[in-house]
Amino acid sequence: MPEYIIDKKEEINKLIDRLKLFSFNALIKHPHYEYSLLEKNTDEEMIKETYDEFDLIKLIKKRISPNGKVSYDLFYELDDNTFVVIAISFQTSPPTIINAFHAKRDFKKFRKSLSKNYRINPIF
């Protein structure tokens, strides 16, 4: 499955403009989303509160499945340097949340490791 990193602010803002059209509650929740919350012991309230904090989105991973469906992993950097990932697809209207979790890893270290694999700028 091809993956692309979007780290340029203007590209991130284009996607944010699409997200702003929908509240968290309006989004479709894929069955895997519900499973993922339980599996990773993720507080859904935290995901809900983080969703519309669009200024926290520092990185987006675009994924294209073998059947051509596109989804995006949104990486929100939190004040404590950890991050929230929300995976979303615009194949439906309203969009569908596929997955969401709170990663208790240092976002800057995570980004630096991504920079090696995806040739992105480790500093932002």
PDB file of N, CA and C in Angstrom:
ATOM      1  N   MET A   1       0.849  -1.169   0.000  1.00  0.00           N
ATOM      2  CA  MET A   1       0.000   0.000   0.000  1.00  0.00           C
ATOM      3  C   MET A   1       0.899   1.238   0.000  1.00  0.00           C
ATOM      4  N   PRO A   2       0.842   2.072  -1.036  1.00  0.00           N
ATOM      5  CA  PRO A   2       1.666   3.287  -1.060  1.00  0.00           C
ATOM      6  C   PRO A   2       1.263   4.263   0.059  1.00  0.00           C
ATOM      7  N   GLU A   3       2.257   4.880   0.641  1.00  0.00           N
ATOM      8  CA  GLU A   3       2.045   5.881   1.690  1.00  0.00           C
ATOM      9  C   GLU A   3       2.870   7.105   1.355  1.00  0.00           C
ATOM     10  N   TYR A   4       2.309   8.267   1.636  1.00  0.00           N
ATOM     11  CA  TYR A   4       2.983   9.527   1.374  1.00  0.00           C
ATOM     12  C   TYR A   4       2.841  10.414   2.603  1.00  0.00           C
ATOM     13  N   ILE A   5       3.886  11.131   2.923  1.00  0.00           N
ATOM     14  CA  ILE A   5       3.847  12.049   4.052  1.00  0.00           C
ATOM     15  C   ILE A   5       3.557  13.452   3.545  1.00  0.00           C
ATOM     16  N   ILE A   6       2.598  14.084   4.183  1.00  0.00           N
ATOM     17  CA  ILE A   6       2.268  15.482   3.900  1.00  0.00           C
ATOM     18  C   ILE A   6       2.721  16.277   5.115  1.00  0.00           C
ATOM     19  N   ASP A   7       3.734  17.133   4.922  1.00  0.00           N
ATOM     20  CA  ASP A   7       4.227  17.916   6.052  1.00  0.00           C
ATOM     21  C   ASP A   7       4.320  19.406   5.739  1.00  0.00           C
ATOM     22  N   LYS A   8       3.942  19.788   4.551  1.00  0.00           N
ATOM     23  CA  LYS A   8       3.953  21.206   4.188  1.00  0.00           C
ATOM     24  C   LYS A   8       2.653  21.847   4.669  1.00  0.00           C
ATOM     25  N   LYS A   9       2.795  22.982   5.337  1.00  0.00           N
ATOM     26  CA  LYS A   9       1.651  23.629   5.984  1.00  0.00           C
ATOM     27  C   LYS A   9       0.508  23.895   5.005  1.00  0.00           C
ATOM     28  N   GLU A  10       0.834  24.360   3.789  1.00  0.00           N
ATOM     29  CA  GLU A  10      -0.242  24.668   2.834  1.00  0.00           C
ATOM     30  C   GLU A  10      -1.005  23.411   2.409  1.00  0.00           C
ATOM     31  N   GLU A  11      -0.322  22.284   2.312  1.00  0.00           N
ATOM     32  CA  GLU A  11      -0.999  21.026   1.971  1.00  0.00           C
ATOM     33  C   GLU A  11      -1.846  20.528   3.145  1.00  0.00           C
ATOM     34  N   ILE A  12      -1.301  20.665   4.345  1.00  0.00           N
ATOM     35  CA  ILE A  12      -2.053  20.285   5.547  1.00  0.00           C
ATOM     36  C   ILE A  12      -3.318  21.136   5.646  1.00  0.00           C
ATOM     37  N   ASN A  13      -3.192  22.432   5.375  1.00  0.00           N
ATOM     38  CA  ASN A  13      -4.347  23.333   5.474  1.00  0.00           C
ATOM     39  C   ASN A  13      -5.458  22.982   4.484  1.00  0.00           C
ATOM     40  N   LYS A  14      -5.101  22.471   3.310  1.00  0.00           N
ATOM     41  CA  LYS A  14      -6.127  22.056   2.345  1.00  0.00           C
ATOM     42  C   LYS A  14      -6.990  20.942   2.932  1.00  0.00           C
ATOM     43  N   LEU A  15      -6.354  20.009   3.606  1.00  0.00           N
ATOM     44  CA  LEU A  15      -7.100  18.919   4.216  1.00  0.00           C
ATOM     45  C   LEU A  15      -7.894  19.415   5.432  1.00  0.00           C
ATOM     46  N   ILE A  16      -7.299  20.305   6.200  1.00  0.00           N
ATOM     47  CA  ILE A  16      -7.995  20.875   7.359  1.00  0.00           C
ATOM     48  C   ILE A  16      -9.271  21.588   6.907  1.00  0.00           C
ATOM     49  N   ASP A  17      -9.214  22.295   5.789  1.00  0.00           N
ATOM     50  CA  ASP A  17     -10.410  22.977   5.274  1.00  0.00           C
ATOM     51  C   ASP A  17     -11.541  21.986   5.026  1.00  0.00           C
ATOM     52  N   ARG A  18     -11.201  20.792   4.565  1.00  0.00           N
ATOM     53  CA  ARG A  18     -12.221  19.754   4.355  1.00  0.00           C
ATOM     54  C   ARG A  18     -12.754  19.233   5.691  1.00  0.00           C
ATOM     55  N   LEU A  19     -11.860  19.092   6.678  1.00  0.00           N
ATOM     56  CA  LEU A  19     -12.273  18.584   7.990  1.00  0.00           C
ATOM     57  C   LEU A  19     -13.192  19.566   8.716  1.00  0.00           C
ATOM     58  N   LYS A  20     -12.953  20.850   8.541  1.00  0.00           N
ATOM     59  CA  LYS A  20     -13.729  21.877   9.239  1.00  0.00           C
ATOM     60  C   LYS A  20     -15.208  21.849   8.886  1.00  0.00           C
ATOM     61  N   LEU A  21     -15.554  21.189   7.799  1.00  0.00           N
ATOM     62  CA  LEU A  21     -16.949  21.117   7.377  1.00  0.00           C
ATOM     63  C   LEU A  21     -17.766  20.143   8.225  1.00  0.00           C
ATOM     64  N   PHE A  22     -17.090  19.339   9.062  1.00  0.00           N
ATOM     65  CA  PHE A  22     -17.771  18.289   9.815  1.00  0.00           C
ATOM     66  C   PHE A  22     -17.365  18.307  11.287  1.00  0.00           C
ATOM     67  N   SER A  23     -18.355  18.243  12.158  1.00  0.00           N
ATOM     68  CA  SER A  23     -18.060  18.083  13.578  1.00  0.00           C
ATOM     69  C   SER A  23     -17.684  16.623  13.834  1.00  0.00           C
ATOM     70  N   PHE A  24     -17.064  16.362  14.954  1.00  0.00           N
ATOM     71  CA  PHE A  24     -16.700  14.990  15.306  1.00  0.00           C
ATOM     72  C   PHE A  24     -17.936  14.097  15.330  1.00  0.00           C
ATOM     73  N   ASN A  25     -19.010  14.599  15.943  1.00  0.00           N
ATOM     74  CA  ASN A  25     -20.223  13.783  16.075  1.00  0.00           C
ATOM     75  C   ASN A  25     -20.869  13.472  14.729  1.00  0.00           C
ATOM     76  N   ALA A  26     -20.637  14.312  13.726  1.00  0.00           N
ATOM     77  CA  ALA A  26     -21.222  14.088  12.398  1.00  0.00           C
ATOM     78  C   ALA A  26     -20.485  13.010  11.614  1.00  0.00           C
ATOM     79  N   LEU A  27     -19.248  12.709  11.990  1.00  0.00           N
ATOM     80  CA  LEU A  27     -18.452  11.735  11.252  1.00  0.00           C
ATOM     81  C   LEU A  27     -18.995  10.320  11.440  1.00  0.00           C
ATOM     82  N   ILE A  28     -18.885   9.524  10.389  1.00  0.00           N
ATOM     83  CA  ILE A  28     -19.229   8.106  10.486  1.00  0.00           C
ATOM     84  C   ILE A  28     -18.099   7.405  11.232  1.00  0.00           C
ATOM     85  N   LYS A  29     -18.443   6.510  12.141  1.00  0.00           N
ATOM     86  CA  LYS A  29     -17.430   5.744  12.887  1.00  0.00           C
ATOM     87  C   LYS A  29     -17.403   4.321  12.340  1.00  0.00           C
ATOM     88  N   HIS A  30     -16.303   3.961  11.719  1.00  0.00           N
ATOM     89  CA  HIS A  30     -16.117   2.618  11.174  1.00  0.00           C
ATOM     90  C   HIS A  30     -16.088   1.617  12.337  1.00  0.00           C
ATOM     91  N   PRO A  31     -16.577   0.383  12.140  1.00  0.00           N
ATOM     92  CA  PRO A  31     -16.515  -0.605  13.233  1.00  0.00           C
ATOM     93  C   PRO A  31     -15.090  -0.805  13.774  1.00  0.00           C
ATOM     94  N   HIS A  32     -14.079  -0.678  12.920  1.00  0.00           N
ATOM     95  CA  HIS A  32     -12.702  -0.818  13.398  1.00  0.00           C
ATOM     96  C   HIS A  32     -12.341   0.295  14.384  1.00  0.00           C
ATOM     97  N   TYR A  33     -12.929   1.464  14.221  1.00  0.00           N
ATOM     98  CA  TYR A  33     -12.686   2.576  15.156  1.00  0.00           C
ATOM     99  C   TYR A  33     -13.089   2.165  16.567  1.00  0.00           C
ATOM    100  N   GLU A  34     -14.295   1.619  16.691  1.00  0.00           N
ATOM    101  CA  GLU A  34     -14.788   1.185  18.011  1.00  0.00           C
ATOM    102  C   GLU A  34     -13.869   0.115  18.600  1.00  0.00           C
ATOM    103  N   TYR A  35     -13.489  -0.850  17.774  1.00  0.00           N
ATOM    104  CA  TYR A  35     -12.586  -1.911  18.210  1.00  0.00           C
ATOM    105  C   TYR A  35     -11.240  -1.337  18.648  1.00  0.00           C
ATOM    106  N   SER A  36     -10.724  -0.409  17.874  1.00  0.00           N
ATOM    107  CA  SER A  36      -9.418   0.185  18.156  1.00  0.00           C
ATOM    108  C   SER A  36      -9.415   0.926  19.492  1.00  0.00           C
ATOM    109  N   LEU A  37     -10.494   1.646  19.777  1.00  0.00           N
ATOM    110  CA  LEU A  37     -10.573   2.353  21.063  1.00  0.00           C
ATOM    111  C   LEU A  37     -10.441   1.373  22.218  1.00  0.00           C
ATOM    112  N   LEU A  38     -11.155   0.260  22.117  1.00  0.00           N
ATOM    113  CA  LEU A  38     -11.107  -0.755  23.179  1.00  0.00           C
ATOM    114  C   LEU A  38      -9.735  -1.426  23.239  1.00  0.00           C
ATOM    115  N   GLU A  39      -9.226  -1.794  22.074  1.00  0.00           N
ATOM    116  CA  GLU A  39      -7.954  -2.512  22.008  1.00  0.00           C
ATOM    117  C   GLU A  39      -6.802  -1.680  22.581  1.00  0.00           C
ATOM    118  N   LYS A  40      -6.804  -0.394  22.290  1.00  0.00           N
ATOM    119  CA  LYS A  40      -5.693   0.470  22.716  1.00  0.00           C
ATOM    120  C   LYS A  40      -6.015   1.258  23.978  1.00  0.00           C
ATOM    121  N   ASN A  41      -7.185   0.939  24.586  1.00  0.00           N
ATOM    122  CA  ASN A  41      -7.601   1.608  25.811  1.00  0.00           C
ATOM    123  C   ASN A  41      -7.546   3.133  25.651  1.00  0.00           C
ATOM    124  N   THR A  42      -8.133   3.613  24.554  1.00  0.00           N
ATOM    125  CA  THR A  42      -8.116   5.036  24.227  1.00  0.00           C
ATOM    126  C   THR A  42      -9.395   5.697  24.714  1.00  0.00           C
ATOM    127  N   ASP A  43      -9.251   6.840  25.343  1.00  0.00           N
ATOM    128  CA  ASP A  43     -10.375   7.618  25.837  1.00  0.00           C
ATOM    129  C   ASP A  43     -11.018   8.355  24.653  1.00  0.00           C
ATOM    130  N   GLU A  44     -12.251   7.993  24.319  1.00  0.00           N
ATOM    131  CA  GLU A  44     -12.913   8.624  23.178  1.00  0.00           C
ATOM    132  C   GLU A  44     -13.115  10.120  23.391  1.00  0.00           C
ATOM    133  N   GLU A  45     -13.304  10.539  24.632  1.00  0.00           N
ATOM    134  CA  GLU A  45     -13.452  11.976  24.904  1.00  0.00           C
ATOM    135  C   GLU A  45     -12.200  12.742  24.489  1.00  0.00           C
ATOM    136  N   MET A  46     -11.045  12.146  24.723  1.00  0.00           N
ATOM    137  CA  MET A  46      -9.787  12.783  24.316  1.00  0.00           C
ATOM    138  C   MET A  46      -9.745  12.935  22.794  1.00  0.00           C
ATOM    139  N   ILE A  47     -10.164  11.905  22.083  1.00  0.00           N
ATOM    140  CA  ILE A  47     -10.189  11.954  20.618  1.00  0.00           C
ATOM    141  C   ILE A  47     -11.161  13.038  20.169  1.00  0.00           C
ATOM    142  N   LYS A  48     -12.334  13.067  20.767  1.00  0.00           N
ATOM    143  CA  LYS A  48     -13.351  14.063  20.437  1.00  0.00           C
ATOM    144  C   LYS A  48     -12.824  15.485  20.644  1.00  0.00           C
ATOM    145  N   GLU A  49     -12.193  15.699  21.790  1.00  0.00           N
ATOM    146  CA  GLU A  49     -11.666  17.033  22.115  1.00  0.00           C
ATOM    147  C   GLU A  49     -10.513  17.426  21.194  1.00  0.00           C
ATOM    148  N   THR A  50      -9.742  16.465  20.777  1.00  0.00           N
ATOM    149  CA  THR A  50      -8.577  16.743  19.937  1.00  0.00           C
ATOM    150  C   THR A  50      -8.968  16.986  18.485  1.00  0.00           C
ATOM    151  N   TYR A  51     -10.012  16.327  18.005  1.00  0.00           N
ATOM    152  CA  TYR A  51     -10.376  16.358  16.589  1.00  0.00           C
ATOM    153  C   TYR A  51     -10.360  17.763  15.982  1.00  0.00           C
ATOM    154  N   ASP A  52     -11.033  18.705  16.614  1.00  0.00           N
ATOM    155  CA  ASP A  52     -11.132  20.033  15.992  1.00  0.00           C
ATOM    156  C   ASP A  52     -10.045  21.016  16.441  1.00  0.00           C
ATOM    157  N   GLU A  53      -9.000  20.510  17.061  1.00  0.00           N
ATOM    158  CA  GLU A  53      -7.825  21.327  17.376  1.00  0.00           C
ATOM    159  C   GLU A  53      -6.877  21.267  16.178  1.00  0.00           C
ATOM    160  N   PHE A  54      -7.344  21.795  15.061  1.00  0.00           N
ATOM    161  CA  PHE A  54      -6.651  21.620  13.784  1.00  0.00           C
ATOM    162  C   PHE A  54      -5.240  22.210  13.769  1.00  0.00           C
ATOM    163  N   ASP A  55      -4.985  23.201  14.597  1.00  0.00           N
ATOM    164  CA  ASP A  55      -3.641  23.787  14.657  1.00  0.00           C
ATOM    165  C   ASP A  55      -2.615  22.807  15.229  1.00  0.00           C
ATOM    166  N   LEU A  56      -3.077  21.723  15.858  1.00  0.00           N
ATOM    167  CA  LEU A  56      -2.166  20.719  16.405  1.00  0.00           C
ATOM    168  C   LEU A  56      -1.733  19.683  15.372  1.00  0.00           C
ATOM    169  N   ILE A  57      -2.361  19.697  14.197  1.00  0.00           N
ATOM    170  CA  ILE A  57      -1.994  18.735  13.150  1.00  0.00           C
ATOM    171  C   ILE A  57      -0.655  19.159  12.558  1.00  0.00           C
ATOM    172  N   LYS A  58       0.353  18.319  12.753  1.00  0.00           N
ATOM    173  CA  LYS A  58       1.714  18.640  12.309  1.00  0.00           C
ATOM    174  C   LYS A  58       2.165  17.795  11.132  1.00  0.00           C
ATOM    175  N   LEU A  59       1.426  16.732  10.876  1.00  0.00           N
ATOM    176  CA  LEU A  59       1.855  15.775   9.868  1.00  0.00           C
ATOM    177  C   LEU A  59       0.639  14.964   9.441  1.00  0.00           C
ATOM    178  N   ILE A  60       0.609  14.591   8.165  1.00  0.00           N
ATOM    179  CA  ILE A  60      -0.453  13.731   7.658  1.00  0.00           C
ATOM    180  C   ILE A  60       0.192  12.640   6.815  1.00  0.00           C
ATOM    181  N   LYS A  61      -0.257  11.415   7.031  1.00  0.00           N
ATOM    182  CA  LYS A  61       0.193  10.302   6.193  1.00  0.00           C
ATOM    183  C   LYS A  61      -0.976   9.934   5.283  1.00  0.00           C
ATOM    184  N   LYS A  62      -0.742  10.008   3.981  1.00  0.00           N
ATOM    185  CA  LYS A  62      -1.757   9.633   2.992  1.00  0.00           C
ATOM    186  C   LYS A  62      -1.508   8.185   2.592  1.00  0.00           C
ATOM    187  N   ARG A  63      -2.555   7.370   2.665  1.00  0.00           N
ATOM    188  CA  ARG A  63      -2.444   5.952   2.308  1.00  0.00           C
ATOM    189  C   ARG A  63      -3.372   5.660   1.133  1.00  0.00           C
ATOM    190  N   ILE A  64      -2.879   4.869   0.215  1.00  0.00           N
ATOM    191  CA  ILE A  64      -3.697   4.438  -0.921  1.00  0.00           C
ATOM    192  C   ILE A  64      -3.725   2.914  -0.901  1.00  0.00           C
ATOM    193  N   SER A  65      -4.930   2.354  -0.718  1.00  0.00           N
ATOM    194  CA  SER A  65      -5.071   0.896  -0.635  1.00  0.00           C
ATOM    195  C   SER A  65      -4.950   0.280  -2.026  1.00  0.00           C
ATOM    196  N   PRO A  66      -4.757  -1.033  -2.102  1.00  0.00           N
ATOM    197  CA  PRO A  66      -4.660  -1.702  -3.405  1.00  0.00           C
ATOM    198  C   PRO A  66      -5.879  -1.474  -4.305  1.00  0.00           C
ATOM    199  N   ASN A  67      -7.047  -1.249  -3.684  1.00  0.00           N
ATOM    200  CA  ASN A  67      -8.249  -0.999  -4.505  1.00  0.00           C
ATOM    201  C   ASN A  67      -8.456   0.489  -4.803  1.00  0.00           C
ATOM    202  N   GLY A  68      -7.451   1.311  -4.469  1.00  0.00           N
ATOM    203  CA  GLY A  68      -7.489   2.727  -4.825  1.00  0.00           C
ATOM    204  C   GLY A  68      -8.132   3.653  -3.810  1.00  0.00           C
ATOM    205  N   LYS A  69      -8.612   3.116  -2.689  1.00  0.00           N
ATOM    206  CA  LYS A  69      -9.219   3.977  -1.671  1.00  0.00           C
ATOM    207  C   LYS A  69      -8.130   4.756  -0.933  1.00  0.00           C
ATOM    208  N   VAL A  70      -8.428   6.019  -0.668  1.00  0.00           N
ATOM    209  CA  VAL A  70      -7.467   6.906  -0.023  1.00  0.00           C
ATOM    210  C   VAL A  70      -7.933   7.194   1.405  1.00  0.00           C
ATOM    211  N   SER A  71      -7.003   7.132   2.330  1.00  0.00           N
ATOM    212  CA  SER A  71      -7.284   7.548   3.716  1.00  0.00           C
ATOM    213  C   SER A  71      -6.104   8.371   4.210  1.00  0.00           C
ATOM    214  N   TYR A  72      -6.330   9.072   5.294  1.00  0.00           N
ATOM    215  CA  TYR A  72      -5.325   9.968   5.846  1.00  0.00           C
ATOM    216  C   TYR A  72      -5.171   9.712   7.335  1.00  0.00           C
ATOM    217  N   ASP A  73      -3.935   9.624   7.800  1.00  0.00           N
ATOM    218  CA  ASP A  73      -3.645   9.569   9.230  1.00  0.00           C
ATOM    219  C   ASP A  73      -3.234  10.971   9.645  1.00  0.00           C
ATOM    220  N   LEU A  74      -4.006  11.567  10.539  1.00  0.00           N
ATOM    221  CA  LEU A  74      -3.733  12.922  11.019  1.00  0.00           C
ATOM    222  C   LEU A  74      -2.970  12.824  12.333  1.00  0.00           C
ATOM    223  N   PHE A  75      -1.814  13.461  12.403  1.00  0.00           N
ATOM    224  CA  PHE A  75      -0.980  13.419  13.602  1.00  0.00           C
ATOM    225  C   PHE A  75      -1.086  14.759  14.325  1.00  0.00           C
ATOM    226  N   TYR A  76      -1.692  14.726  15.509  1.00  0.00           N
ATOM    227  CA  TYR A  76      -1.877  15.909  16.340  1.00  0.00           C
ATOM    228  C   TYR A  76      -0.811  15.888  17.435  1.00  0.00           C
ATOM    229  N   GLU A  77       0.050  16.897  17.476  1.00  0.00           N
ATOM    230  CA  GLU A  77       1.049  16.967  18.545  1.00  0.00           C
ATOM    231  C   GLU A  77       0.430  17.656  19.760  1.00  0.00           C
ATOM    232  N   LEU A  78       0.464  16.971  20.903  1.00  0.00           N
ATOM    233  CA  LEU A  78      -0.122  17.504  22.133  1.00  0.00           C
ATOM    234  C   LEU A  78       0.914  18.271  22.952  1.00  0.00           C
ATOM    235  N   ASP A  79       0.424  19.024  23.929  1.00  0.00           N
ATOM    236  CA  ASP A  79       1.309  19.853  24.766  1.00  0.00           C
ATOM    237  C   ASP A  79       2.363  19.051  25.506  1.00  0.00           C
ATOM    238  N   ASP A  80       2.058  17.788  25.829  1.00  0.00           N
ATOM    239  CA  ASP A  80       3.019  16.965  26.583  1.00  0.00           C
ATOM    240  C   ASP A  80       3.985  16.218  25.658  1.00  0.00           C
ATOM    241  N   ASN A  81       4.016  16.607  24.364  1.00  0.00           N
ATOM    242  CA  ASN A  81       4.886  16.028  23.332  1.00  0.00           C
ATOM    243  C   ASN A  81       4.466  14.631  22.881  1.00  0.00           C
ATOM    244  N   THR A  82       3.358  14.107  23.402  1.00  0.00           N
ATOM    245  CA  THR A  82       2.810  12.869  22.860  1.00  0.00           C
ATOM    246  C   THR A  82       1.925  13.254  21.671  1.00  0.00           C
ATOM    247  N   PHE A  83       1.264  12.276  21.057  1.00  0.00           N
ATOM    248  CA  PHE A  83       0.427  12.636  19.919  1.00  0.00           C
ATOM    249  C   PHE A  83      -0.787  11.739  19.791  1.00  0.00           C
ATOM    250  N   VAL A  84      -1.783  12.281  19.117  1.00  0.00           N
ATOM    251  CA  VAL A  84      -3.004  11.560  18.790  1.00  0.00           C
ATOM    252  C   VAL A  84      -3.001  11.342  17.292  1.00  0.00           C
ATOM    253  N   VAL A  85      -3.401  10.148  16.876  1.00  0.00           N
ATOM    254  CA  VAL A  85      -3.547   9.833  15.460  1.00  0.00           C
ATOM    255  C   VAL A  85      -5.026   9.552  15.193  1.00  0.00           C
ATOM    256  N   ILE A  86      -5.563  10.237  14.195  1.00  0.00           N
ATOM    257  CA  ILE A  86      -6.927   9.981  13.749  1.00  0.00           C
ATOM    258  C   ILE A  86      -6.850   9.619  12.269  1.00  0.00           C
ATOM    259  N   ALA A  87      -7.279   8.409  11.932  1.00  0.00           N
ATOM    260  CA  ALA A  87      -7.296   7.956  10.541  1.00  0.00           C
ATOM    261  C   ALA A  87      -8.693   8.201   9.986  1.00  0.00           C
ATOM    262  N   ILE A  88      -8.745   8.874   8.837  1.00  0.00           N
ATOM    263  CA  ILE A  88     -10.031   9.289   8.281  1.00  0.00           C
ATOM    264  C   ILE A  88     -10.060   9.061   6.774  1.00  0.00           C
ATOM    265  N   SER A  89     -11.243   8.761   6.279  1.00  0.00           N
ATOM    266  CA  SER A  89     -11.440   8.568   4.843  1.00  0.00           C
ATOM    267  C   SER A  89     -12.522   9.532   4.366  1.00  0.00           C
ATOM    268  N   PHE A  90     -12.280  10.148   3.227  1.00  0.00           N
ATOM    269  CA  PHE A  90     -13.255  11.042   2.617  1.00  0.00           C
ATOM    270  C   PHE A  90     -14.049  10.333   1.512  1.00  0.00           C
ATOM    271  N   GLN A  91     -14.018   9.007   1.490  1.00  0.00           N
ATOM    272  CA  GLN A  91     -14.742   8.238   0.474  1.00  0.00           C
ATOM    273  C   GLN A  91     -16.250   8.295   0.700  1.00  0.00           C
ATOM    274  N   THR A  92     -16.666   8.702   1.906  1.00  0.00           N
ATOM    275  CA  THR A  92     -18.086   8.821   2.239  1.00  0.00           C
ATOM    276  C   THR A  92     -18.383  10.273   2.608  1.00  0.00           C
ATOM    277  N   SER A  93     -19.643  10.609   2.639  1.00  0.00           N
ATOM    278  CA  SER A  93     -20.043  11.933   3.114  1.00  0.00           C
ATOM    279  C   SER A  93     -21.167  11.731   4.126  1.00  0.00           C
ATOM    280  N   PRO A  94     -20.935  12.055   5.372  1.00  0.00           N
ATOM    281  CA  PRO A  94     -19.714  12.644   5.938  1.00  0.00           C
ATOM    282  C   PRO A  94     -18.557  11.645   5.928  1.00  0.00           C
ATOM    283  N   PRO A  95     -17.342  12.149   6.156  1.00  0.00           N
ATOM    284  CA  PRO A  95     -16.166  11.268   6.185  1.00  0.00           C
ATOM    285  C   PRO A  95     -16.281  10.205   7.289  1.00  0.00           C
ATOM    286  N   THR A  96     -15.444   9.180   7.172  1.00  0.00           N
ATOM    287  CA  THR A  96     -15.442   8.067   8.125  1.00  0.00           C
ATOM    288  C   THR A  96     -14.141   8.049   8.920  1.00  0.00           C
ATOM    289  N   ILE A  97     -14.275   7.980  10.243  1.00  0.00           N
ATOM    290  CA  ILE A  97     -13.108   7.746  11.093  1.00  0.00           C
ATOM    291  C   ILE A  97     -12.871   6.244  11.106  1.00  0.00           C
ATOM    292  N   ILE A  98     -11.678   5.860  10.703  1.00  0.00           N
ATOM    293  CA  ILE A  98     -11.329   4.441  10.615  1.00  0.00           C
ATOM    294  C   ILE A  98     -10.668   3.958  11.896  1.00  0.00           C
ATOM    295  N   ASN A  99      -9.871   4.830  12.500  1.00  0.00           N
ATOM    296  CA  ASN A  99      -9.040   4.450  13.636  1.00  0.00           C
ATOM    297  C   ASN A  99      -8.661   5.721  14.380  1.00  0.00           C
ATOM    298  N   ALA A 100      -8.400   5.607  15.652  1.00  0.00           N
ATOM    299  CA  ALA A 100      -7.907   6.738  16.437  1.00  0.00           C
ATOM    300  C   ALA A 100      -7.263   6.205  17.704  1.00  0.00           C
ATOM    301  N   PHE A 101      -6.156   6.828  18.080  1.00  0.00           N
ATOM    302  CA  PHE A 101      -5.496   6.416  19.320  1.00  0.00           C
ATOM    303  C   PHE A 101      -4.551   7.509  19.802  1.00  0.00           C
ATOM    304  N   HIS A 102      -4.216   7.424  21.073  1.00  0.00           N
ATOM    305  CA  HIS A 102      -3.247   8.323  21.693  1.00  0.00           C
ATOM    306  C   HIS A 102      -1.933   7.564  21.805  1.00  0.00           C
ATOM    307  N   ALA A 103      -0.913   8.066  21.138  1.00  0.00           N
ATOM    308  CA  ALA A 103       0.414   7.452  21.214  1.00  0.00           C
ATOM    309  C   ALA A 103       1.202   8.160  22.299  1.00  0.00           C
ATOM    310  N   LYS A 104       1.640   7.418  23.262  1.00  0.00           N
ATOM    311  CA  LYS A 104       2.368   8.013  24.388  1.00  0.00           C
ATOM    312  C   LYS A 104       3.866   8.013  24.109  1.00  0.00           C
ATOM    313  N   ARG A 105       4.202   8.390  22.875  1.00  0.00           N
ATOM    314  CA  ARG A 105       5.600   8.519  22.435  1.00  0.00           C
ATOM    315  C   ARG A 105       5.882   9.983  22.174  1.00  0.00           C
ATOM    316  N   ASP A 106       7.134  10.327  22.209  1.00  0.00           N
ATOM    317  CA  ASP A 106       7.553  11.701  21.915  1.00  0.00           C
ATOM    318  C   ASP A 106       7.370  11.964  20.418  1.00  0.00           C
ATOM    319  N   PHE A 107       6.552  12.951  20.083  1.00  0.00           N
ATOM    320  CA  PHE A 107       6.245  13.215  18.684  1.00  0.00           C
ATOM    321  C   PHE A 107       7.479  13.615  17.885  1.00  0.00           C
ATOM    322  N   LYS A 108       8.338  14.422  18.462  1.00  0.00           N
ATOM    323  CA  LYS A 108       9.525  14.874  17.719  1.00  0.00           C
ATOM    324  C   LYS A 108      10.450  13.692  17.379  1.00  0.00           C
ATOM    325  N   LYS A 109      10.603  12.761  18.314  1.00  0.00           N
ATOM    326  CA  LYS A 109      11.408  11.566  18.030  1.00  0.00           C
ATOM    327  C   LYS A 109      10.727  10.701  16.970  1.00  0.00           C
ATOM    328  N   PHE A 110       9.412  10.592  17.066  1.00  0.00           N
ATOM    329  CA  PHE A 110       8.665   9.830  16.075  1.00  0.00           C
ATOM    330  C   PHE A 110       8.837  10.452  14.691  1.00  0.00           C
ATOM    331  N   ARG A 111       8.707  11.757  14.610  1.00  0.00           N
ATOM    332  CA  ARG A 111       8.862  12.458  13.332  1.00  0.00           C
ATOM    333  C   ARG A 111      10.272  12.268  12.773  1.00  0.00           C
ATOM    334  N   LYS A 112      11.246  12.312  13.663  1.00  0.00           N
ATOM    335  CA  LYS A 112      12.634  12.126  13.224  1.00  0.00           C
ATOM    336  C   LYS A 112      12.811  10.729  12.623  1.00  0.00           C
ATOM    337  N   SER A 113      12.196   9.720  13.244  1.00  0.00           N
ATOM    338  CA  SER A 113      12.307   8.363  12.693  1.00  0.00           C
ATOM    339  C   SER A 113      11.586   8.270  11.343  1.00  0.00           C
ATOM    340  N   LEU A 114      10.482   8.971  11.194  1.00  0.00           N
ATOM    341  CA  LEU A 114       9.789   9.004   9.906  1.00  0.00           C
ATOM    342  C   LEU A 114      10.643   9.664   8.834  1.00  0.00           C
ATOM    343  N   SER A 115      11.401  10.666   9.234  1.00  0.00           N
ATOM    344  CA  SER A 115      12.204  11.410   8.254  1.00  0.00           C
ATOM    345  C   SER A 115      13.219  10.502   7.567  1.00  0.00           C
ATOM    346  N   LYS A 116      13.664   9.473   8.278  1.00  0.00           N
ATOM    347  CA  LYS A 116      14.612   8.524   7.681  1.00  0.00           C
ATOM    348  C   LYS A 116      13.932   7.646   6.624  1.00  0.00           C
ATOM    349  N   ASN A 117      12.697   7.241   6.899  1.00  0.00           N
ATOM    350  CA  ASN A 117      11.987   6.332   6.000  1.00  0.00           C
ATOM    351  C   ASN A 117      11.261   7.023   4.858  1.00  0.00           C
ATOM    352  N   TYR A 118      10.852   8.271   5.064  1.00  0.00           N
ATOM    353  CA  TYR A 118      10.042   8.953   4.067  1.00  0.00           C
ATOM    354  C   TYR A 118      10.716  10.185   3.467  1.00  0.00           C
ATOM    355  N   ARG A 119      11.944  10.441   3.850  1.00  0.00           N
ATOM    356  CA  ARG A 119      12.687  11.597   3.341  1.00  0.00           C
ATOM    357  C   ARG A 119      11.938  12.909   3.524  1.00  0.00           C
ATOM    358  N   ILE A 120      11.475  13.128   4.750  1.00  0.00           N
ATOM    359  CA  ILE A 120      10.840  14.402   5.068  1.00  0.00           C
ATOM    360  C   ILE A 120      11.769  15.187   5.952  1.00  0.00           C
ATOM    361  N   ASN A 121      11.479  16.449   6.101  1.00  0.00           N
ATOM    362  CA  ASN A 121      12.274  17.315   6.936  1.00  0.00           C
ATOM    363  C   ASN A 121      12.016  16.959   8.412  1.00  0.00           C
ATOM    364  N   PRO A 122      13.052  16.564   9.174  1.00  0.00           N
ATOM    365  CA  PRO A 122      12.829  16.188  10.572  1.00  0.00           C
ATOM    366  C   PRO A 122      12.528  17.392  11.470  1.00  0.00           C
ATOM    367  N   ILE A 123      12.812  18.575  10.985  1.00  0.00           N
ATOM    368  CA  ILE A 123      12.564  19.793  11.764  1.00  0.00           C
ATOM    369  C   ILE A 123      11.356  20.522  11.153  1.00  0.00           C
ATOM    370  N   PHE A 124      10.504  21.045  12.007  1.00  0.00           N
ATOM    371  CA  PHE A 124       9.357  21.802  11.503  1.00  0.00           C
ATOM    372  C   PHE A 124       9.073  22.955  12.402  1.00  0.00           C
TER     373      PHE A 124
END
